[in-house]
Amino acid sequence: MKKVAMFVFNGEPMCFVHVLLNALDMKDKGYEVKIILEGASVKLVPELIKEGSPLKGLWQKCLQADLVEGVCKACSAKLGTLAATQDQKLTLLDAMFGHPSIAAYRDNGFEILTF
């Protein structure tokens, strides 16, 4: 099985929608997919569940499909979205000095895509 870890650093909604779409598409094609929110993308967390958000439906599908690995703990704390991350019961990732470790995913056979 192909394994892909999508590290999302970009906080632009138009970029993030493509991450969500591609994650769902890859899963449908048999890939193991993990979405990891890092950097500026963590600022999207509170927006993802707001009524009327164009991302809400896709976000819910990705959550239901267990594609969301988690959110950077350090970036969430620094950018003020730690509470929103915890409210959504998203996993906080902090294996590398408070951030997710790309090397850990590589060591587990994941191809790394960055956005």
PDB file of N, CA and C in Angstrom:
ATOM      1  N   MET A   1       0.846  -1.186   0.000  1.00  0.00           N
ATOM      2  CA  MET A   1       0.000   0.000   0.000  1.00  0.00           C
ATOM      3  C   MET A   1       0.883   1.238   0.000  1.00  0.00           C
ATOM      4  N   LYS A   2       0.504   2.214  -0.789  1.00  0.00           N
ATOM      5  CA  LYS A   2       1.218   3.480  -0.809  1.00  0.00           C
ATOM      6  C   LYS A   2       0.841   4.273   0.427  1.00  0.00           C
ATOM      7  N   LYS A   3       1.838   4.928   1.021  1.00  0.00           N
ATOM      8  CA  LYS A   3       1.631   5.708   2.229  1.00  0.00           C
ATOM      9  C   LYS A   3       2.091   7.139   1.978  1.00  0.00           C
ATOM     10  N   VAL A   4       1.205   8.099   2.283  1.00  0.00           N
ATOM     11  CA  VAL A   4       1.507   9.505   2.044  1.00  0.00           C
ATOM     12  C   VAL A   4       1.176  10.320   3.291  1.00  0.00           C
ATOM     13  N   ALA A   5       2.155  11.121   3.726  1.00  0.00           N
ATOM     14  CA  ALA A   5       1.934  12.079   4.814  1.00  0.00           C
ATOM     15  C   ALA A   5       1.925  13.470   4.191  1.00  0.00           C
ATOM     16  N   MET A   6       0.810  14.166   4.373  1.00  0.00           N
ATOM     17  CA  MET A   6       0.647  15.509   3.819  1.00  0.00           C
ATOM     18  C   MET A   6       0.893  16.531   4.925  1.00  0.00           C
ATOM     19  N   PHE A   7       2.044  17.180   4.872  1.00  0.00           N
ATOM     20  CA  PHE A   7       2.373  18.227   5.836  1.00  0.00           C
ATOM     21  C   PHE A   7       1.901  19.556   5.269  1.00  0.00           C
ATOM     22  N   VAL A   8       0.941  20.181   5.943  1.00  0.00           N
ATOM     23  CA  VAL A   8       0.334  21.416   5.448  1.00  0.00           C
ATOM     24  C   VAL A   8       0.860  22.581   6.279  1.00  0.00           C
ATOM     25  N   PHE A   9       1.675  23.415   5.660  1.00  0.00           N
ATOM     26  CA  PHE A   9       2.225  24.600   6.314  1.00  0.00           C
ATOM     27  C   PHE A   9       1.453  25.859   5.920  1.00  0.00           C
ATOM     28  N   ASN A  10       0.886  25.859   4.733  1.00  0.00           N
ATOM     29  CA  ASN A  10       0.208  27.023   4.171  1.00  0.00           C
ATOM     30  C   ASN A  10      -1.166  27.204   4.828  1.00  0.00           C
ATOM     31  N   GLY A  11      -1.456  28.406   5.272  1.00  0.00           N
ATOM     32  CA  GLY A  11      -2.715  28.688   5.936  1.00  0.00           C
ATOM     33  C   GLY A  11      -3.804  29.247   5.033  1.00  0.00           C
ATOM     34  N   GLU A  12      -3.598  29.199   3.731  1.00  0.00           N
ATOM     35  CA  GLU A  12      -4.593  29.701   2.789  1.00  0.00           C
ATOM     36  C   GLU A  12      -5.698  28.659   2.578  1.00  0.00           C
ATOM     37  N   PRO A  13      -6.955  29.043   2.735  1.00  0.00           N
ATOM     38  CA  PRO A  13      -8.054  28.089   2.537  1.00  0.00           C
ATOM     39  C   PRO A  13      -8.046  27.418   1.164  1.00  0.00           C
ATOM     40  N   MET A  14      -7.685  28.152   0.109  1.00  0.00           N
ATOM     41  CA  MET A  14      -7.674  27.562  -1.238  1.00  0.00           C
ATOM     42  C   MET A  14      -6.618  26.467  -1.361  1.00  0.00           C
ATOM     43  N   CYS A  15      -5.525  26.589  -0.652  1.00  0.00           N
ATOM     44  CA  CYS A  15      -4.521  25.519  -0.626  1.00  0.00           C
ATOM     45  C   CYS A  15      -5.061  24.338   0.170  1.00  0.00           C
ATOM     46  N   PHE A  16      -5.656  24.627   1.315  1.00  0.00           N
ATOM     47  CA  PHE A  16      -6.114  23.564   2.209  1.00  0.00           C
ATOM     48  C   PHE A  16      -7.229  22.729   1.583  1.00  0.00           C
ATOM     49  N   VAL A  17      -8.099  23.358   0.809  1.00  0.00           N
ATOM     50  CA  VAL A  17      -9.177  22.603   0.165  1.00  0.00           C
ATOM     51  C   VAL A  17      -8.589  21.542  -0.760  1.00  0.00           C
ATOM     52  N   HIS A  18      -7.486  21.856  -1.416  1.00  0.00           N
ATOM     53  CA  HIS A  18      -6.850  20.884  -2.306  1.00  0.00           C
ATOM     54  C   HIS A  18      -6.196  19.748  -1.515  1.00  0.00           C
ATOM     55  N   VAL A  19      -5.693  20.051  -0.347  1.00  0.00           N
ATOM     56  CA  VAL A  19      -5.164  18.993   0.527  1.00  0.00           C
ATOM     57  C   VAL A  19      -6.290  18.025   0.883  1.00  0.00           C
ATOM     58  N   LEU A  20      -7.424  18.571   1.310  1.00  0.00           N
ATOM     59  CA  LEU A  20      -8.557  17.729   1.705  1.00  0.00           C
ATOM     60  C   LEU A  20      -9.061  16.890   0.532  1.00  0.00           C
ATOM     61  N   LEU A  21      -9.208  17.521  -0.621  1.00  0.00           N
ATOM     62  CA  LEU A  21      -9.676  16.798  -1.808  1.00  0.00           C
ATOM     63  C   LEU A  21      -8.717  15.681  -2.208  1.00  0.00           C
ATOM     64  N   ASN A  22      -7.438  15.978  -2.227  1.00  0.00           N
ATOM     65  CA  ASN A  22      -6.455  14.968  -2.610  1.00  0.00           C
ATOM     66  C   ASN A  22      -6.353  13.851  -1.588  1.00  0.00           C
ATOM     67  N   ALA A  23      -6.480  14.173  -0.314  1.00  0.00           N
ATOM     68  CA  ALA A  23      -6.447  13.134   0.717  1.00  0.00           C
ATOM     69  C   ALA A  23      -7.608  12.158   0.531  1.00  0.00           C
ATOM     70  N   LEU A  24      -8.790  12.685   0.285  1.00  0.00           N
ATOM     71  CA  LEU A  24      -9.957  11.824   0.061  1.00  0.00           C
ATOM     72  C   LEU A  24      -9.796  10.993  -1.210  1.00  0.00           C
ATOM     73  N   ASP A  25      -9.282  11.610  -2.265  1.00  0.00           N
ATOM     74  CA  ASP A  25      -9.056  10.906  -3.522  1.00  0.00           C
ATOM     75  C   ASP A  25      -8.040   9.778  -3.351  1.00  0.00           C
ATOM     76  N   MET A  26      -6.947  10.068  -2.670  1.00  0.00           N
ATOM     77  CA  MET A  26      -5.929   9.042  -2.449  1.00  0.00           C
ATOM     78  C   MET A  26      -6.469   7.883  -1.616  1.00  0.00           C
ATOM     79  N   LYS A  27      -7.246   8.220  -0.586  1.00  0.00           N
ATOM     80  CA  LYS A  27      -7.832   7.153   0.234  1.00  0.00           C
ATOM     81  C   LYS A  27      -8.735   6.269  -0.617  1.00  0.00           C
ATOM     82  N   ASP A  28      -9.549   6.893  -1.459  1.00  0.00           N
ATOM     83  CA  ASP A  28     -10.434   6.132  -2.347  1.00  0.00           C
ATOM     84  C   ASP A  28      -9.653   5.222  -3.297  1.00  0.00           C
ATOM     85  N   LYS A  29      -8.414   5.599  -3.593  1.00  0.00           N
ATOM     86  CA  LYS A  29      -7.570   4.810  -4.498  1.00  0.00           C
ATOM     87  C   LYS A  29      -6.677   3.815  -3.741  1.00  0.00           C
ATOM     88  N   GLY A  30      -6.908   3.694  -2.429  1.00  0.00           N
ATOM     89  CA  GLY A  30      -6.206   2.686  -1.655  1.00  0.00           C
ATOM     90  C   GLY A  30      -4.961   3.140  -0.915  1.00  0.00           C
ATOM     91  N   TYR A  31      -4.661   4.422  -0.926  1.00  0.00           N
ATOM     92  CA  TYR A  31      -3.498   4.931  -0.210  1.00  0.00           C
ATOM     93  C   TYR A  31      -3.795   5.012   1.287  1.00  0.00           C
ATOM     94  N   GLU A  32      -2.750   4.904   2.090  1.00  0.00           N
ATOM     95  CA  GLU A  32      -2.831   5.282   3.498  1.00  0.00           C
ATOM     96  C   GLU A  32      -2.402   6.735   3.554  1.00  0.00           C
ATOM     97  N   VAL A  33      -3.271   7.604   4.058  1.00  0.00           N
ATOM     98  CA  VAL A  33      -3.026   9.048   4.023  1.00  0.00           C
ATOM     99  C   VAL A  33      -3.096   9.633   5.427  1.00  0.00           C
ATOM    100  N   LYS A  34      -2.165  10.512   5.722  1.00  0.00           N
ATOM    101  CA  LYS A  34      -2.146  11.253   6.989  1.00  0.00           C
ATOM    102  C   LYS A  34      -2.024  12.734   6.665  1.00  0.00           C
ATOM    103  N   ILE A  35      -2.933  13.547   7.217  1.00  0.00           N
ATOM    104  CA  ILE A  35      -2.863  15.004   7.082  1.00  0.00           C
ATOM    105  C   ILE A  35      -2.300  15.558   8.387  1.00  0.00           C
ATOM    106  N   ILE A  36      -1.233  16.341   8.270  1.00  0.00           N
ATOM    107  CA  ILE A  36      -0.587  16.935   9.437  1.00  0.00           C
ATOM    108  C   ILE A  36      -0.600  18.448   9.259  1.00  0.00           C
ATOM    109  N   LEU A  37      -1.234  19.160  10.179  1.00  0.00           N
ATOM    110  CA  LEU A  37      -1.286  20.623  10.124  1.00  0.00           C
ATOM    111  C   LEU A  37      -0.096  21.194  10.883  1.00  0.00           C
ATOM    112  N   GLU A  38       0.665  22.047  10.218  1.00  0.00           N
ATOM    113  CA  GLU A  38       1.883  22.656  10.739  1.00  0.00           C
ATOM    114  C   GLU A  38       1.879  24.136  10.379  1.00  0.00           C
ATOM    115  N   GLY A  39       2.730  24.900  11.006  1.00  0.00           N
ATOM    116  CA  GLY A  39       2.907  26.302  10.631  1.00  0.00           C
ATOM    117  C   GLY A  39       1.599  27.069  10.592  1.00  0.00           C
ATOM    118  N   ALA A  40       1.461  27.919   9.579  1.00  0.00           N
ATOM    119  CA  ALA A  40       0.296  28.801   9.465  1.00  0.00           C
ATOM    120  C   ALA A  40      -1.018  28.054   9.266  1.00  0.00           C
ATOM    121  N   SER A  41      -0.971  26.798   8.820  1.00  0.00           N
ATOM    122  CA  SER A  41      -2.226  26.060   8.597  1.00  0.00           C
ATOM    123  C   SER A  41      -3.009  25.833   9.887  1.00  0.00           C
ATOM    124  N   VAL A  42      -2.333  25.870  11.032  1.00  0.00           N
ATOM    125  CA  VAL A  42      -3.053  25.648  12.290  1.00  0.00           C
ATOM    126  C   VAL A  42      -4.071  26.754  12.566  1.00  0.00           C
ATOM    127  N   LYS A  43      -3.878  27.917  11.938  1.00  0.00           N
ATOM    128  CA  LYS A  43      -4.841  29.015  12.118  1.00  0.00           C
ATOM    129  C   LYS A  43      -6.196  28.687  11.503  1.00  0.00           C
ATOM    130  N   LEU A  44      -6.249  27.689  10.630  1.00  0.00           N
ATOM    131  CA  LEU A  44      -7.511  27.282  10.016  1.00  0.00           C
ATOM    132  C   LEU A  44      -8.388  26.458  10.952  1.00  0.00           C
ATOM    133  N   VAL A  45      -7.812  25.879  11.983  1.00  0.00           N
ATOM    134  CA  VAL A  45      -8.545  24.938  12.842  1.00  0.00           C
ATOM    135  C   VAL A  45      -9.885  25.490  13.327  1.00  0.00           C
ATOM    136  N   PRO A  46      -9.959  26.688  13.898  1.00  0.00           N
ATOM    137  CA  PRO A  46     -11.269  27.167  14.355  1.00  0.00           C
ATOM    138  C   PRO A  46     -12.249  27.424  13.214  1.00  0.00           C
ATOM    139  N   GLU A  47     -11.729  27.744  12.035  1.00  0.00           N
ATOM    140  CA  GLU A  47     -12.576  28.046  10.877  1.00  0.00           C
ATOM    141  C   GLU A  47     -13.204  26.789  10.273  1.00  0.00           C
ATOM    142  N   LEU A  48     -12.574  25.646  10.477  1.00  0.00           N
ATOM    143  CA  LEU A  48     -12.991  24.410   9.821  1.00  0.00           C
ATOM    144  C   LEU A  48     -14.338  23.880  10.292  1.00  0.00           C
ATOM    145  N   ILE A  49     -14.797  24.336  11.442  1.00  0.00           N
ATOM    146  CA  ILE A  49     -16.071  23.829  11.968  1.00  0.00           C
ATOM    147  C   ILE A  49     -17.169  24.888  11.982  1.00  0.00           C
ATOM    148  N   LYS A  50     -16.853  26.085  11.512  1.00  0.00           N
ATOM    149  CA  LYS A  50     -17.850  27.160  11.498  1.00  0.00           C
ATOM    150  C   LYS A  50     -18.913  26.895  10.443  1.00  0.00           C
ATOM    151  N   GLU A  51     -20.158  27.157  10.817  1.00  0.00           N
ATOM    152  CA  GLU A  51     -21.250  27.062   9.843  1.00  0.00           C
ATOM    153  C   GLU A  51     -20.966  28.020   8.694  1.00  0.00           C
ATOM    154  N   GLY A  52     -21.211  27.565   7.491  1.00  0.00           N
ATOM    155  CA  GLY A  52     -20.989  28.387   6.319  1.00  0.00           C
ATOM    156  C   GLY A  52     -19.573  28.320   5.767  1.00  0.00           C
ATOM    157  N   SER A  53     -18.672  27.680   6.492  1.00  0.00           N
ATOM    158  CA  SER A  53     -17.307  27.545   6.001  1.00  0.00           C
ATOM    159  C   SER A  53     -17.282  26.612   4.796  1.00  0.00           C
ATOM    160  N   PRO A  54     -16.662  27.039   3.705  1.00  0.00           N
ATOM    161  CA  PRO A  54     -16.595  26.167   2.531  1.00  0.00           C
ATOM    162  C   PRO A  54     -15.732  24.925   2.769  1.00  0.00           C
ATOM    163  N   LEU A  55     -14.958  24.921   3.842  1.00  0.00           N
ATOM    164  CA  LEU A  55     -14.094  23.780   4.156  1.00  0.00           C
ATOM    165  C   LEU A  55     -14.755  22.763   5.085  1.00  0.00           C
ATOM    166  N   LYS A  56     -15.838  23.159   5.737  1.00  0.00           N
ATOM    167  CA  LYS A  56     -16.420  22.323   6.791  1.00  0.00           C
ATOM    168  C   LYS A  56     -16.795  20.923   6.305  1.00  0.00           C
ATOM    169  N   GLY A  57     -17.470  20.808   5.201  1.00  0.00           N
ATOM    170  CA  GLY A  57     -17.910  19.504   4.715  1.00  0.00           C
ATOM    171  C   GLY A  57     -16.760  18.568   4.395  1.00  0.00           C
ATOM    172  N   LEU A  58     -15.761  19.089   3.685  1.00  0.00           N
ATOM    173  CA  LEU A  58     -14.591  18.272   3.357  1.00  0.00           C
ATOM    174  C   LEU A  58     -13.803  17.902   4.612  1.00  0.00           C
ATOM    175  N   TRP A  59     -13.685  18.848   5.542  1.00  0.00           N
ATOM    176  CA  TRP A  59     -12.996  18.594   6.805  1.00  0.00           C
ATOM    177  C   TRP A  59     -13.686  17.453   7.558  1.00  0.00           C
ATOM    178  N   GLN A  60     -15.013  17.506   7.628  1.00  0.00           N
ATOM    179  CA  GLN A  60     -15.756  16.446   8.317  1.00  0.00           C
ATOM    180  C   GLN A  60     -15.548  15.094   7.636  1.00  0.00           C
ATOM    181  N   LYS A  61     -15.536  15.068   6.313  1.00  0.00           N
ATOM    182  CA  LYS A  61     -15.292  13.814   5.591  1.00  0.00           C
ATOM    183  C   LYS A  61     -13.909  13.263   5.899  1.00  0.00           C
ATOM    184  N   CYS A  62     -12.909  14.139   5.955  1.00  0.00           N
ATOM    185  CA  CYS A  62     -11.552  13.695   6.264  1.00  0.00           C
ATOM    186  C   CYS A  62     -11.448  13.194   7.698  1.00  0.00           C
ATOM    187  N   LEU A  63     -12.137  13.852   8.620  1.00  0.00           N
ATOM    188  CA  LEU A  63     -12.144  13.378  10.011  1.00  0.00           C
ATOM    189  C   LEU A  63     -12.807  12.010  10.098  1.00  0.00           C
ATOM    190  N   GLN A  64     -13.953  11.858   9.457  1.00  0.00           N
ATOM    191  CA  GLN A  64     -14.672  10.589   9.482  1.00  0.00           C
ATOM    192  C   GLN A  64     -13.870   9.461   8.841  1.00  0.00           C
ATOM    193  N   ALA A  65     -13.060   9.796   7.847  1.00  0.00           N
ATOM    194  CA  ALA A  65     -12.234   8.802   7.164  1.00  0.00           C
ATOM    195  C   ALA A  65     -10.914   8.559   7.908  1.00  0.00           C
ATOM    196  N   ASP A  66     -10.731   9.214   9.045  1.00  0.00           N
ATOM    197  CA  ASP A  66      -9.531   9.079   9.878  1.00  0.00           C
ATOM    198  C   ASP A  66      -8.260   9.469   9.118  1.00  0.00           C
ATOM    199  N   LEU A  67      -8.343  10.545   8.349  1.00  0.00           N
ATOM    200  CA  LEU A  67      -7.206  11.019   7.569  1.00  0.00           C
ATOM    201  C   LEU A  67      -6.403  12.106   8.280  1.00  0.00           C
ATOM    202  N   VAL A  68      -6.977  12.702   9.315  1.00  0.00           N
ATOM    203  CA  VAL A  68      -6.305  13.800  10.013  1.00  0.00           C
ATOM    204  C   VAL A  68      -5.451  13.214  11.134  1.00  0.00           C
ATOM    205  N   GLU A  69      -4.152  13.267  10.939  1.00  0.00           N
ATOM    206  CA  GLU A  69      -3.207  12.739  11.919  1.00  0.00           C
ATOM    207  C   GLU A  69      -3.144  13.633  13.147  1.00  0.00           C
ATOM    208  N   GLY A  70      -3.080  14.944  12.919  1.00  0.00           N
ATOM    209  CA  GLY A  70      -3.017  15.851  14.054  1.00  0.00           C
ATOM    210  C   GLY A  70      -2.508  17.219  13.673  1.00  0.00           C
ATOM    211  N   VAL A  71      -2.227  17.997  14.725  1.00  0.00           N
ATOM    212  CA  VAL A  71      -1.889  19.408  14.601  1.00  0.00           C
ATOM    213  C   VAL A  71      -0.628  19.688  15.418  1.00  0.00           C
ATOM    214  N   CYS A  72       0.243  20.507  14.878  1.00  0.00           N
ATOM    215  CA  CYS A  72       1.475  20.872  15.570  1.00  0.00           C
ATOM    216  C   CYS A  72       1.156  21.574  16.898  1.00  0.00           C
ATOM    217  N   LYS A  73       1.699  21.015  17.963  1.00  0.00           N
ATOM    218  CA  LYS A  73       1.453  21.591  19.290  1.00  0.00           C
ATOM    219  C   LYS A  73       2.103  22.967  19.444  1.00  0.00           C
ATOM    220  N   ALA A  74       3.360  23.094  19.024  1.00  0.00           N
ATOM    221  CA  ALA A  74       4.073  24.362  19.188  1.00  0.00           C
ATOM    222  C   ALA A  74       3.430  25.476  18.370  1.00  0.00           C
ATOM    223  N   CYS A  75       3.078  25.180  17.134  1.00  0.00           N
ATOM    224  CA  CYS A  75       2.470  26.204  16.274  1.00  0.00           C
ATOM    225  C   CYS A  75       1.084  26.589  16.780  1.00  0.00           C
ATOM    226  N   SER A  76       0.330  25.608  17.276  1.00  0.00           N
ATOM    227  CA  SER A  76      -0.999  25.912  17.826  1.00  0.00           C
ATOM    228  C   SER A  76      -0.888  26.833  19.029  1.00  0.00           C
ATOM    229  N   ALA A  77       0.098  26.565  19.879  1.00  0.00           N
ATOM    230  CA  ALA A  77       0.293  27.409  21.056  1.00  0.00           C
ATOM    231  C   ALA A  77       0.730  28.814  20.634  1.00  0.00           C
ATOM    232  N   LYS A  78       1.674  28.895  19.725  1.00  0.00           N
ATOM    233  CA  LYS A  78       2.220  30.182  19.281  1.00  0.00           C
ATOM    234  C   LYS A  78       1.189  31.018  18.524  1.00  0.00           C
ATOM    235  N   LEU A  79       0.336  30.360  17.716  1.00  0.00           N
ATOM    236  CA  LEU A  79      -0.609  31.084  16.872  1.00  0.00           C
ATOM    237  C   LEU A  79      -2.016  31.184  17.467  1.00  0.00           C
ATOM    238  N   GLY A  80      -2.175  30.745  18.713  1.00  0.00           N
ATOM    239  CA  GLY A  80      -3.423  30.969  19.436  1.00  0.00           C
ATOM    240  C   GLY A  80      -4.572  30.029  19.108  1.00  0.00           C
ATOM    241  N   THR A  81      -4.279  28.848  18.589  1.00  0.00           N
ATOM    242  CA  THR A  81      -5.359  27.911  18.247  1.00  0.00           C
ATOM    243  C   THR A  81      -5.314  26.619  19.061  1.00  0.00           C
ATOM    244  N   LEU A  82      -4.534  26.612  20.123  1.00  0.00           N
ATOM    245  CA  LEU A  82      -4.415  25.415  20.958  1.00  0.00           C
ATOM    246  C   LEU A  82      -5.772  25.006  21.539  1.00  0.00           C
ATOM    247  N   ALA A  83      -6.524  25.964  22.038  1.00  0.00           N
ATOM    248  CA  ALA A  83      -7.842  25.647  22.625  1.00  0.00           C
ATOM    249  C   ALA A  83      -8.797  25.088  21.568  1.00  0.00           C
ATOM    250  N   ALA A  84      -8.799  25.670  20.377  1.00  0.00           N
ATOM    251  CA  ALA A  84      -9.670  25.177  19.302  1.00  0.00           C
ATOM    252  C   ALA A  84      -9.273  23.767  18.891  1.00  0.00           C
ATOM    253  N   THR A  85      -7.984  23.496  18.872  1.00  0.00           N
ATOM    254  CA  THR A  85      -7.492  22.152  18.547  1.00  0.00           C
ATOM    255  C   THR A  85      -7.959  21.156  19.595  1.00  0.00           C
ATOM    256  N   GLN A  86      -7.844  21.531  20.850  1.00  0.00           N
ATOM    257  CA  GLN A  86      -8.281  20.653  21.940  1.00  0.00           C
ATOM    258  C   GLN A  86      -9.799  20.496  21.945  1.00  0.00           C
ATOM    259  N   ASP A  87     -10.538  21.571  21.640  1.00  0.00           N
ATOM    260  CA  ASP A  87     -12.005  21.500  21.579  1.00  0.00           C
ATOM    261  C   ASP A  87     -12.467  20.498  20.529  1.00  0.00           C
ATOM    262  N   GLN A  88     -11.726  20.406  19.425  1.00  0.00           N
ATOM    263  CA  GLN A  88     -12.083  19.459  18.372  1.00  0.00           C
ATOM    264  C   GLN A  88     -11.509  18.060  18.636  1.00  0.00           C
ATOM    265  N   LYS A  89     -10.812  17.925  19.756  1.00  0.00           N
ATOM    266  CA  LYS A  89     -10.205  16.645  20.144  1.00  0.00           C
ATOM    267  C   LYS A  89      -9.225  16.130  19.083  1.00  0.00           C
ATOM    268  N   LEU A  90      -8.499  17.070  18.480  1.00  0.00           N
ATOM    269  CA  LEU A  90      -7.477  16.716  17.505  1.00  0.00           C
ATOM    270  C   LEU A  90      -6.193  16.376  18.249  1.00  0.00           C
ATOM    271  N   THR A  91      -5.440  15.461  17.717  1.00  0.00           N
ATOM    272  CA  THR A  91      -4.180  15.047  18.337  1.00  0.00           C
ATOM    273  C   THR A  91      -3.147  16.153  18.177  1.00  0.00           C
ATOM    274  N   LEU A  92      -2.482  16.474  19.273  1.00  0.00           N
ATOM    275  CA  LEU A  92      -1.388  17.439  19.231  1.00  0.00           C
ATOM    276  C   LEU A  92      -0.097  16.672  18.977  1.00  0.00           C
ATOM    277  N   LEU A  93       0.629  17.081  17.955  1.00  0.00           N
ATOM    278  CA  LEU A  93       1.858  16.403  17.555  1.00  0.00           C
ATOM    279  C   LEU A  93       3.060  17.224  18.017  1.00  0.00           C
ATOM    280  N   ASP A  94       3.985  16.565  18.718  1.00  0.00           N
ATOM    281  CA  ASP A  94       5.108  17.319  19.297  1.00  0.00           C
ATOM    282  C   ASP A  94       6.401  16.507  19.409  1.00  0.00           C
ATOM    283  N   ALA A  95       6.577  15.518  18.556  1.00  0.00           N
ATOM    284  CA  ALA A  95       7.710  14.594  18.660  1.00  0.00           C
ATOM    285  C   ALA A  95       9.073  15.248  18.420  1.00  0.00           C
ATOM    286  N   MET A  96       9.113  16.385  17.744  1.00  0.00           N
ATOM    287  CA  MET A  96      10.383  17.031  17.406  1.00  0.00           C
ATOM    288  C   MET A  96      10.398  18.458  17.959  1.00  0.00           C
ATOM    289  N   PHE A  97      10.831  18.595  19.191  1.00  0.00           N
ATOM    290  CA  PHE A  97      10.920  19.910  19.820  1.00  0.00           C
ATOM    291  C   PHE A  97       9.594  20.664  19.768  1.00  0.00           C
ATOM    292  N   GLY A  98       8.492  19.957  19.972  1.00  0.00           N
ATOM    293  CA  GLY A  98       7.165  20.563  19.977  1.00  0.00           C
ATOM    294  C   GLY A  98       6.455  20.525  18.638  1.00  0.00           C
ATOM    295  N   HIS A  99       7.124  20.022  17.607  1.00  0.00           N
ATOM    296  CA  HIS A  99       6.576  19.954  16.256  1.00  0.00           C
ATOM    297  C   HIS A  99       6.502  18.496  15.795  1.00  0.00           C
ATOM    298  N   PRO A 100       5.692  18.192  14.775  1.00  0.00           N
ATOM    299  CA  PRO A 100       5.702  16.842  14.209  1.00  0.00           C
ATOM    300  C   PRO A 100       7.040  16.564  13.520  1.00  0.00           C
ATOM    301  N   SER A 101       7.455  15.328  13.534  1.00  0.00           N
ATOM    302  CA  SER A 101       8.728  14.932  12.937  1.00  0.00           C
ATOM    303  C   SER A 101       8.518  14.335  11.550  1.00  0.00           C
ATOM    304  N   ILE A 102       9.007  15.000  10.535  1.00  0.00           N
ATOM    305  CA  ILE A 102       8.942  14.464   9.178  1.00  0.00           C
ATOM    306  C   ILE A 102       9.746  13.170   9.106  1.00  0.00           C
ATOM    307  N   ALA A 103      10.896  13.133   9.759  1.00  0.00           N
ATOM    308  CA  ALA A 103      11.747  11.937   9.734  1.00  0.00           C
ATOM    309  C   ALA A 103      11.012  10.714  10.259  1.00  0.00           C
ATOM    310  N   ALA A 104      10.179  10.887  11.272  1.00  0.00           N
ATOM    311  CA  ALA A 104       9.430   9.750  11.828  1.00  0.00           C
ATOM    312  C   ALA A 104       8.493   9.146  10.788  1.00  0.00           C
ATOM    313  N   TYR A 105       7.869   9.982   9.984  1.00  0.00           N
ATOM    314  CA  TYR A 105       6.986   9.474   8.926  1.00  0.00           C
ATOM    315  C   TYR A 105       7.809   8.799   7.826  1.00  0.00           C
ATOM    316  N   ARG A 106       8.948   9.404   7.466  1.00  0.00           N
ATOM    317  CA  ARG A 106       9.831   8.784   6.470  1.00  0.00           C
ATOM    318  C   ARG A 106      10.299   7.415   6.962  1.00  0.00           C
ATOM    319  N   ASP A 107      10.663   7.344   8.227  1.00  0.00           N
ATOM    320  CA  ASP A 107      11.131   6.079   8.804  1.00  0.00           C
ATOM    321  C   ASP A 107      10.049   4.999   8.778  1.00  0.00           C
ATOM    322  N   ASN A 108       8.788   5.426   8.730  1.00  0.00           N
ATOM    323  CA  ASN A 108       7.669   4.480   8.679  1.00  0.00           C
ATOM    324  C   ASN A 108       7.146   4.277   7.257  1.00  0.00           C
ATOM    325  N   GLY A 109       7.943   4.681   6.271  1.00  0.00           N
ATOM    326  CA  GLY A 109       7.616   4.385   4.882  1.00  0.00           C
ATOM    327  C   GLY A 109       6.682   5.349   4.185  1.00  0.00           C
ATOM    328  N   PHE A 110       6.451   6.512   4.772  1.00  0.00           N
ATOM    329  CA  PHE A 110       5.562   7.495   4.153  1.00  0.00           C
ATOM    330  C   PHE A 110       6.328   8.377   3.177  1.00  0.00           C
ATOM    331  N   GLU A 111       5.715   8.623   2.033  1.00  0.00           N
ATOM    332  CA  GLU A 111       6.163   9.662   1.123  1.00  0.00           C
ATOM    333  C   GLU A 111       5.681  10.977   1.729  1.00  0.00           C
ATOM    334  N   ILE A 112       6.498  12.008   1.714  1.00  0.00           N
ATOM    335  CA  ILE A 112       6.139  13.302   2.308  1.00  0.00           C
ATOM    336  C   ILE A 112       5.753  14.276   1.208  1.00  0.00           C
ATOM    337  N   LEU A 113       4.569  14.847   1.343  1.00  0.00           N
ATOM    338  CA  LEU A 113       4.123  15.938   0.487  1.00  0.00           C
ATOM    339  C   LEU A 113       3.979  17.165   1.367  1.00  0.00           C
ATOM    340  N   THR A 114       4.489  18.284   0.904  1.00  0.00           N
ATOM    341  CA  THR A 114       4.341  19.525   1.681  1.00  0.00           C
ATOM    342  C   THR A 114       3.504  20.520   0.894  1.00  0.00           C
ATOM    343  N   PHE A 115       2.687  21.226   1.629  1.00  0.00           N
ATOM    344  CA  PHE A 115       1.793  22.231   1.047  1.00  0.00           C
ATOM    345  C   PHE A 115       1.986  23.533   1.808  1.00  0.00           C
TER     346      PHE A 115
END
